[in-house]
Amino acid sequence: QVQVVESGGGSVEAGGSLVLSCVGSGFTYKSDCMAWWRQAPAKSREGVAAICPGDGKTYYADSVKGRFIISQGDAKNTVTLQMNSLKPEDTGMYYCAADYLGAARGASWFKRYEWNGWGQGTQVTVSS
């Protein structure tokens, strides 16, 4: 059974930084891709960033390019998201996604249904 657990998050003022961490286990599919998604109140869940360590691929939403960095953790199936220069519009529940079943090298990472495992989410609040 796929299990995904996030940690980190919290509240910060605009311009500040936060780090999110995630660990996954029990994957059904062979891909090592993992990703972060977020959902703001009254909005749809959107992909933030993804990493496929075996393929050396990283992907970012345009809204976070140059500010967020996704990287593989020290242990297998772990991922961190370094969030810098945070803005109030970054506020939302952040979810880690794992057990990717989509196109090769994470090419369809931005499609929610391509992920088989989801964490419970961790709240990020950025005040102006």
Protein backbone atom coordinates (compact mmCIF):
# COMPACT_ATOMS: atom_id res chain seq x y z
CA GLN A 1 0.00 0.00 0.00
CA VAL A 2 1.34 3.40 -1.00
CA GLN A 3 2.11 5.69 1.88
CA VAL A 4 3.18 9.32 1.55
CA VAL A 5 3.99 11.56 4.51
CA GLU A 6 4.80 15.26 4.39
CA SER A 7 6.48 17.42 6.99
CA GLY A 8 7.41 21.07 7.23
CA GLY A 9 5.21 23.97 6.28
CA GLY A 10 4.01 26.69 8.59
CA SER A 11 3.54 30.44 8.53
CA VAL A 12 5.98 33.00 7.19
CA GLU A 13 5.98 36.60 6.03
CA ALA A 14 6.27 37.47 2.38
CA GLY A 15 9.83 37.16 1.16
CA GLY A 16 10.62 34.41 3.63
CA SER A 17 11.52 30.76 3.10
CA LEU A 18 10.19 27.36 4.09
CA VAL A 19 11.23 23.78 3.48
CA LEU A 20 8.88 20.87 2.92
CA SER A 21 9.91 17.23 3.13
CA CYS A 22 8.24 14.04 1.99
CA VAL A 23 8.86 10.33 2.27
CA GLY A 24 7.06 7.65 0.30
CA SER A 25 6.86 3.88 0.49
CA GLY A 26 5.00 0.90 -0.90
CA PHE A 27 5.00 2.11 -4.49
CA THR A 28 3.06 0.10 -7.06
CA TYR A 29 4.78 1.52 -10.15
CA LYS A 30 8.48 1.51 -10.97
CA SER A 31 9.00 5.24 -11.49
CA ASP A 32 11.00 7.15 -8.87
CA CYS A 33 9.30 10.43 -9.76
CA MET A 34 7.82 12.45 -6.92
CA ALA A 35 6.10 15.81 -6.90
CA TRP A 36 4.59 18.62 -4.89
CA TRP A 37 1.13 19.98 -5.53
CA ARG A 38 -0.81 22.69 -3.78
CA GLN A 39 -4.38 23.79 -3.34
CA ALA A 40 -5.50 27.25 -2.33
CA PRO A 41 -8.95 27.83 -0.85
CA ALA A 42 -11.67 27.59 -3.48
CA LYS A 43 -9.14 26.66 -6.18
CA SER A 44 -8.18 23.46 -7.95
CA ARG A 45 -5.12 21.50 -6.96
CA GLU A 46 -2.15 22.46 -9.12
CA GLY A 47 1.24 20.94 -9.73
CA VAL A 48 4.13 22.91 -8.25
CA ALA A 49 7.24 20.87 -9.00
CA ALA A 50 8.33 17.33 -9.79
CA ILE A 51 11.56 15.38 -9.80
CA CYS A 52 12.55 12.11 -11.44
CA PRO A 53 16.00 11.39 -9.99
CA GLY A 54 16.73 8.39 -12.18
CA ASP A 55 16.24 10.47 -15.32
CA GLY A 56 17.81 13.63 -13.93
CA LYS A 57 14.62 15.55 -14.60
CA THR A 58 13.01 18.36 -12.65
CA TYR A 59 9.90 20.29 -13.56
CA TYR A 60 8.41 23.50 -12.21
CA ALA A 61 5.22 25.44 -12.62
CA ASP A 62 5.85 28.84 -14.17
CA SER A 63 4.59 30.54 -11.02
CA VAL A 64 7.42 29.12 -8.88
CA LYS A 65 10.35 28.96 -11.31
CA GLY A 66 13.41 30.67 -9.89
CA ARG A 67 11.99 30.64 -6.35
CA PHE A 68 11.37 26.97 -5.48
CA ILE A 69 13.84 24.11 -5.67
CA ILE A 70 12.85 20.46 -5.62
CA SER A 71 15.51 17.92 -4.77
CA GLN A 72 15.92 14.32 -3.81
CA GLY A 73 16.41 13.67 -0.14
CA ASP A 74 19.24 11.69 1.41
CA ALA A 75 17.19 8.51 1.53
CA LYS A 76 15.46 6.76 -1.34
CA ASN A 77 11.94 7.93 -2.08
CA THR A 78 12.35 11.18 -0.21
CA VAL A 79 12.00 14.65 -1.66
CA THR A 80 12.32 18.18 -0.35
CA LEU A 81 10.93 21.48 -1.61
CA GLN A 82 12.92 24.58 -0.76
CA MET A 83 10.59 27.56 -1.10
CA ASN A 84 12.22 31.00 -1.27
CA SER A 85 10.90 34.50 -1.83
CA LEU A 86 7.47 33.34 -0.78
CA LYS A 87 4.44 35.37 -1.81
CA PRO A 88 0.94 35.52 -0.32
CA GLU A 89 -0.35 33.72 -3.42
CA ASP A 90 1.79 30.72 -2.45
CA THR A 91 -0.54 30.15 0.48
CA GLY A 92 -2.32 26.81 0.43
CA MET A 93 -2.25 23.16 1.40
CA TYR A 94 0.79 21.46 -0.07
CA TYR A 95 0.57 17.80 -1.01
CA CYS A 96 3.33 15.36 -1.85
CA ALA A 97 2.58 12.98 -4.69
CA ALA A 98 4.34 9.70 -5.45
CA ASP A 99 3.95 6.42 -7.33
CA TYR A 100 3.86 8.03 -10.75
CA LEU A 101 2.27 6.08 -13.61
CA GLY A 102 2.39 8.62 -16.40
CA ALA A 103 4.55 9.30 -19.43
CA ALA A 104 8.27 8.54 -19.39
CA ARG A 105 10.66 10.82 -17.50
CA GLY A 106 7.81 12.54 -15.72
CA ALA A 107 6.57 14.27 -18.85
CA SER A 108 2.95 14.23 -17.65
CA TRP A 109 3.72 15.14 -14.03
CA PHE A 110 1.21 17.99 -14.15
CA LYS A 111 -1.72 15.62 -14.62
CA ARG A 112 -3.22 14.82 -11.25
CA TYR A 113 -4.49 11.35 -12.25
CA GLU A 114 -0.95 10.23 -13.09
CA TRP A 115 -0.11 9.98 -9.40
CA ASN A 116 -1.21 6.97 -7.39
CA GLY A 117 -0.15 8.09 -3.92
CA TRP A 118 -0.91 11.29 -2.03
CA GLY A 119 -0.02 12.62 1.38
CA GLN A 120 -2.43 14.27 3.77
CA GLY A 121 -1.03 17.71 3.07
CA THR A 122 0.78 20.37 5.04
CA GLN A 123 -0.36 23.97 5.34
CA VAL A 124 1.75 26.88 4.09
CA THR A 125 0.61 30.39 4.95
CA VAL A 126 2.37 33.49 3.64
CA SER A 127 1.32 36.82 5.08
CA SER A 128 1.83 40.16 3.38
